Amino acid sequence: MDRAYEMRDFTLRIVASGHILGASQLVMENGFKVVYTGDLHLEGGATCGSARVERCDVLIIESTFGSPHYEFPPREDVIRELKDWVEEQHARGATPVVLGYSLGKAQELTCCLSRDFSVEVHPAIYENNRKYEALGVPLGEYRLFSCEDREDKVVIFPPAARKAKALHKLNPRFAFMSGWALHEGTRFRLGVDEAFPLSDHSDFYSLLRYVEKASPQVVYTVHGFAEEFAQELRARGFYAEALVEKKLRTLEDYV
């Protein structure tokens, strides 16, 4: 993904951000380069490529997880732990219900889990899955959610739909997939059985790597731990400021 648009006074390009399929950064140039990352995942995931890093003069970077507390384990390790948890629930006679945002996260979960289990998805996820496939992203075999009881069944639902009455006919056990899983109160706040740190945002250390590669003269941080991340960048020799002051996002803002 790299498209350019000639505006009156500058060139605008869009380049991949690695967040979800089609998510883009904005690059504005006129002898002076400004990059706005939007939602950013430097390494990308199973259903989209990695982010492109552009050297620039001014960088405006999303810092949702801009705190050292948020260091995510390798993605393959998280998926392996999730699959082990699914098998444990099957052995106990329960139906594993995996909670992931309906656009982006749910498609990655479908892709990873359909290799080993019979996957059923919420209608909103089903619709987005079809769009991904129409754009050439294979997700494996899955079907629309039903109340049918099957031995190797895994259900993928959005977090907001976790209280659906139909789920509770299946002896469900819930796992929430998000970078917020590293927050010690996540399981209790959501009332889920397990939480795994699978995120489509960069963690603290990936954000640092991005800034170092971009080598900007000025950095503005936005969202999440904006002030904390700006402070860390200043300690590393960058001119950095939080673009706006706002209440830090909490887990409830995302579910």
Protein backbone atom coordinates (compact mmCIF):
# COMPACT_ATOMS: atom_id res chain seq x y z
CA MET A 1 0.00 0.00 0.00
CA ASP A 2 1.54 3.29 -1.10
CA ARG A 3 -0.69 5.81 -2.83
CA ALA A 4 0.05 9.45 -3.53
CA TYR A 5 -2.32 12.38 -4.00
CA GLU A 6 -1.20 15.76 -5.25
CA MET A 7 -2.81 18.50 -3.21
CA ARG A 8 -2.49 22.26 -3.83
CA ASP A 9 0.47 22.84 -1.53
CA PHE A 10 1.74 19.38 -0.67
CA THR A 11 1.78 15.69 -1.59
CA LEU A 12 -0.27 13.33 0.55
CA ARG A 13 0.67 9.66 0.65
CA ILE A 14 -0.90 6.76 2.50
CA VAL A 15 1.27 3.88 3.69
CA ALA A 16 0.49 0.77 5.72
CA SER A 17 0.13 1.09 9.50
CA GLY A 18 -0.06 -2.66 10.31
CA HIS A 19 -3.13 -2.14 12.51
CA ILE A 20 -5.73 -4.02 10.45
CA LEU A 21 -6.23 -4.70 6.76
CA GLY A 22 -6.26 -1.38 4.91
CA ALA A 23 -5.32 0.78 7.91
CA SER A 24 -2.99 3.58 6.83
CA GLN A 25 -0.62 6.25 7.98
CA LEU A 26 -0.69 9.71 6.41
CA VAL A 27 2.53 11.17 5.02
CA MET A 28 2.48 14.87 4.07
CA GLU A 29 5.41 16.31 2.11
CA ASN A 30 6.41 19.69 0.76
CA GLY A 31 10.14 19.80 1.33
CA PHE A 32 9.19 19.04 4.94
CA LYS A 33 7.73 15.69 5.95
CA VAL A 34 5.00 15.11 8.54
CA VAL A 35 3.76 11.60 9.41
CA TYR A 36 0.58 10.78 11.30
CA THR A 37 0.53 7.11 12.21
CA GLY A 38 -3.09 6.62 13.24
CA ASP A 39 -3.58 3.26 14.97
CA LEU A 40 -0.23 1.53 14.63
CA HIS A 41 1.14 -1.99 14.84
CA LEU A 42 4.75 -2.09 13.74
CA GLU A 43 4.96 -5.85 13.22
CA GLY A 44 1.48 -6.38 11.76
CA GLY A 45 -0.49 -9.60 12.20
CA ALA A 46 -1.67 -12.78 10.49
CA THR A 47 -4.16 -10.97 8.23
CA CYS A 48 -2.30 -7.76 7.39
CA GLY A 49 1.27 -6.68 6.69
CA SER A 50 3.63 -4.75 8.92
CA ALA A 51 3.80 -0.99 9.26
CA ARG A 52 6.05 1.04 7.01
CA VAL A 53 8.42 3.43 8.78
CA GLU A 54 9.13 6.76 7.05
CA ARG A 55 11.94 9.03 8.15
CA CYS A 56 10.34 12.39 8.81
CA ASP A 57 10.67 15.84 10.35
CA VAL A 58 7.52 15.72 12.47
CA LEU A 59 5.93 12.54 13.78
CA ILE A 60 2.45 12.34 15.30
CA ILE A 61 2.25 8.89 16.86
CA GLU A 62 -0.54 6.93 18.49
CA SER A 63 0.56 5.85 21.97
CA THR A 64 -2.30 3.71 23.30
CA PHE A 65 0.19 1.38 25.01
CA GLY A 66 2.92 3.97 25.56
CA SER A 67 3.81 2.73 29.05
CA PRO A 68 6.65 0.29 29.88
CA HIS A 69 4.09 -1.93 31.59
CA TYR A 70 2.81 -2.95 28.16
CA GLU A 71 5.37 -5.32 26.67
CA PHE A 72 3.60 -8.01 24.64
CA PRO A 73 4.92 -11.56 24.35
CA PRO A 74 5.59 -12.99 20.87
CA ARG A 75 2.36 -13.36 18.91
CA GLU A 76 2.93 -17.06 18.21
CA ASP A 77 3.27 -17.72 21.94
CA VAL A 78 -0.05 -16.01 22.66
CA ILE A 79 -1.83 -18.04 19.97
CA ARG A 80 -0.32 -21.26 21.28
CA GLU A 81 -1.49 -20.46 24.81
CA LEU A 82 -4.96 -19.64 23.48
CA LYS A 83 -5.17 -22.98 21.66
CA ASP A 84 -4.07 -24.82 24.81
CA TRP A 85 -6.82 -23.01 26.73
CA VAL A 86 -9.39 -23.98 24.08
CA GLU A 87 -8.42 -27.63 24.37
CA GLU A 88 -8.70 -27.43 28.16
CA GLN A 89 -12.25 -26.11 27.89
CA HIS A 90 -13.21 -28.88 25.48
CA ALA A 91 -11.80 -31.45 27.90
CA ARG A 92 -14.02 -29.98 30.63
CA GLY A 93 -17.12 -30.17 28.47
CA ALA A 94 -17.33 -26.37 28.03
CA THR A 95 -17.63 -24.24 24.90
CA PRO A 96 -14.73 -21.79 24.51
CA VAL A 97 -15.89 -18.32 23.49
CA VAL A 98 -13.08 -16.07 22.30
CA LEU A 99 -13.79 -12.34 22.47
CA GLY A 100 -12.18 -10.07 19.90
CA TYR A 101 -13.15 -6.82 18.21
CA SER A 102 -15.29 -7.59 15.16
CA LEU A 103 -13.01 -5.85 12.65
CA GLY A 104 -9.35 -6.81 12.57
CA LYS A 105 -8.88 -8.90 15.70
CA ALA A 106 -11.71 -11.32 14.90
CA GLN A 107 -10.34 -12.01 11.42
CA GLU A 108 -6.93 -12.87 12.84
CA LEU A 109 -8.57 -15.16 15.39
CA THR A 110 -10.63 -16.84 12.67
CA CYS A 111 -7.49 -17.41 10.60
CA CYS A 112 -5.49 -18.87 13.50
CA LEU A 113 -8.19 -21.00 15.14
CA SER A 114 -9.77 -22.43 11.99
CA ARG A 115 -6.61 -24.44 11.39
CA ASP A 116 -7.31 -26.65 14.42
CA PHE A 117 -10.95 -26.22 15.46
CA SER A 118 -14.49 -25.82 14.14
CA VAL A 119 -15.02 -22.07 14.26
CA GLU A 120 -18.36 -20.28 14.53
CA VAL A 121 -18.59 -16.50 14.48
CA HIS A 122 -20.98 -13.71 15.40
CA PRO A 123 -22.95 -12.23 12.44
CA ALA A 124 -20.96 -8.96 12.50
CA ILE A 125 -17.71 -10.93 12.40
CA TYR A 126 -19.06 -13.16 9.64
CA GLU A 127 -19.77 -10.10 7.50
CA ASN A 128 -16.30 -8.66 8.05
CA ASN A 129 -14.70 -12.05 7.39
CA ARG A 130 -16.39 -12.15 3.99
CA LYS A 131 -15.03 -8.69 3.19
CA TYR A 132 -11.50 -9.80 4.06
CA GLU A 133 -11.86 -12.85 1.83
CA ALA A 134 -13.20 -10.71 -1.02
CA LEU A 135 -9.97 -8.69 -0.71
CA GLY A 136 -7.87 -11.84 -1.05
CA VAL A 137 -7.17 -12.71 2.62
CA PRO A 138 -7.79 -16.43 3.32
CA LEU A 139 -9.28 -17.14 6.74
CA GLY A 140 -9.89 -20.89 6.59
CA GLU A 141 -13.20 -22.63 7.25
CA TYR A 142 -15.79 -21.13 9.60
CA ARG A 143 -19.54 -20.84 9.88
CA LEU A 144 -22.16 -18.51 11.28
CA PHE A 145 -22.85 -19.00 14.98
CA SER A 146 -25.54 -21.48 15.99
CA CYS A 147 -26.62 -23.06 19.27
CA GLU A 148 -25.64 -26.50 17.98
CA ASP A 149 -23.37 -28.34 20.40
CA ARG A 150 -20.20 -29.68 18.74
CA GLU A 151 -17.18 -31.27 20.42
CA ASP A 152 -14.44 -29.13 18.84
CA LYS A 153 -16.44 -25.93 18.55
CA VAL A 154 -14.89 -22.51 19.19
CA VAL A 155 -17.04 -19.38 19.10
CA ILE A 156 -15.67 -15.93 18.25
CA PHE A 157 -17.77 -12.98 19.44
CA PRO A 158 -17.21 -9.23 19.92
CA PRO A 159 -16.67 -8.29 23.58
CA ALA A 160 -19.85 -6.18 23.59
CA ALA A 161 -21.93 -9.29 22.72
CA ARG A 162 -20.55 -11.51 25.48
CA LYS A 163 -23.81 -11.44 27.45
CA ALA A 164 -25.94 -12.75 24.57
CA LYS A 165 -28.49 -15.27 25.87
CA ALA A 166 -27.72 -17.72 23.06
CA LEU A 167 -24.16 -18.16 24.32
CA HIS A 168 -25.23 -19.17 27.78
CA LYS A 169 -27.02 -22.24 26.43
CA LEU A 170 -23.61 -23.71 25.59
CA ASN A 171 -21.85 -23.84 28.98
CA PRO A 172 -19.48 -21.10 27.80
CA ARG A 173 -16.04 -20.13 29.04
CA PHE A 174 -14.80 -16.73 27.93
CA ALA A 175 -11.36 -15.51 26.86
CA PHE A 176 -10.75 -11.84 26.05
CA MET A 177 -8.07 -11.03 23.45
CA SER A 178 -6.48 -7.60 23.86
CA GLY A 179 -3.33 -5.80 24.87
CA TRP A 180 -5.33 -4.75 27.92
CA ALA A 181 -4.97 -8.34 29.14
CA LEU A 182 -1.73 -7.17 30.76
CA HIS A 183 -3.79 -4.99 33.07
CA GLU A 184 -4.27 -7.00 36.25
CA GLY A 185 -7.95 -6.10 36.58
CA THR A 186 -9.04 -7.03 33.06
CA ARG A 187 -10.56 -10.44 33.82
CA PHE A 188 -12.53 -9.16 36.78
CA ARG A 189 -13.81 -6.00 35.08
CA LEU A 190 -15.10 -7.94 32.10
CA GLY A 191 -16.21 -11.03 34.00
CA VAL A 192 -14.23 -13.40 31.76
CA ASP A 193 -12.39 -16.59 32.59
CA GLU A 194 -9.12 -15.73 30.88
CA ALA A 195 -7.43 -12.88 29.01
CA PHE A 196 -4.60 -13.09 26.50
CA PRO A 197 -2.45 -10.14 25.32
CA LEU A 198 -3.09 -10.27 21.58
CA SER A 199 -3.15 -6.70 20.28
CA ASP A 200 -3.36 -4.93 16.94
CA HIS A 201 -1.54 -1.94 18.46
CA SER A 202 2.19 -1.61 19.09
CA ASP A 203 3.44 -2.14 22.60
CA PHE A 204 5.72 0.33 24.37
CA TYR A 205 8.95 -1.07 22.98
CA SER A 206 7.68 -1.30 19.41
CA LEU A 207 6.62 2.33 19.65
CA LEU A 208 10.15 3.24 20.72
CA ARG A 209 11.64 1.31 17.80
CA TYR A 210 9.32 3.09 15.40
CA VAL A 211 10.35 6.55 16.67
CA GLU A 212 14.04 5.65 16.54
CA LYS A 213 13.73 4.46 12.93
CA ALA A 214 11.71 7.51 11.86
CA SER A 215 14.28 9.83 13.49
CA PRO A 216 11.99 12.90 13.64
CA GLN A 217 12.98 16.36 14.84
CA VAL A 218 9.70 16.69 16.72
CA VAL A 219 7.32 14.03 18.11
CA TYR A 220 3.74 14.55 19.20
CA THR A 221 2.07 11.70 21.06
CA VAL A 222 -1.68 11.12 21.02
CA HIS A 223 -4.11 8.75 22.79
CA GLY A 224 -3.59 6.42 25.70
CA PHE A 225 -0.36 6.99 27.62
CA ALA A 226 0.53 10.07 25.58
CA GLU A 227 2.16 12.09 28.35
CA GLU A 228 4.09 9.14 29.75
CA PHE A 229 5.40 8.17 26.32
CA ALA A 230 6.39 11.76 25.50
CA GLN A 231 8.31 11.91 28.77
CA GLU A 232 10.15 8.72 27.90
CA LEU A 233 11.07 10.11 24.47
CA ARG A 234 12.40 13.32 26.01
CA ALA A 235 14.59 11.21 28.30
CA ARG A 236 16.00 9.58 25.16
CA GLY A 237 16.87 12.91 23.56
CA PHE A 238 13.82 13.58 21.37
CA TYR A 239 11.80 16.77 21.42
CA ALA A 240 8.41 15.30 22.33
CA GLU A 241 5.11 16.59 23.65
CA ALA A 242 1.68 15.09 24.26
CA LEU A 243 -0.47 16.72 21.58
CA VAL A 244 -3.53 17.00 23.81
CA GLU A 245 -4.18 16.51 27.47
CA LYS A 246 -7.00 14.09 28.12
CA LYS A 247 -8.06 11.41 30.54
CA LEU A 248 -6.19 8.17 29.92
CA ARG A 249 -8.29 5.58 28.19
CA THR A 250 -9.44 2.76 30.39
CA LEU A 251 -10.44 -0.77 29.62
CA GLU A 252 -14.12 0.20 29.57
CA ASP A 253 -13.48 2.55 26.64
CA TYR A 254 -12.64 -0.41 24.43
CA VAL A 255 -15.41 -2.91 25.21
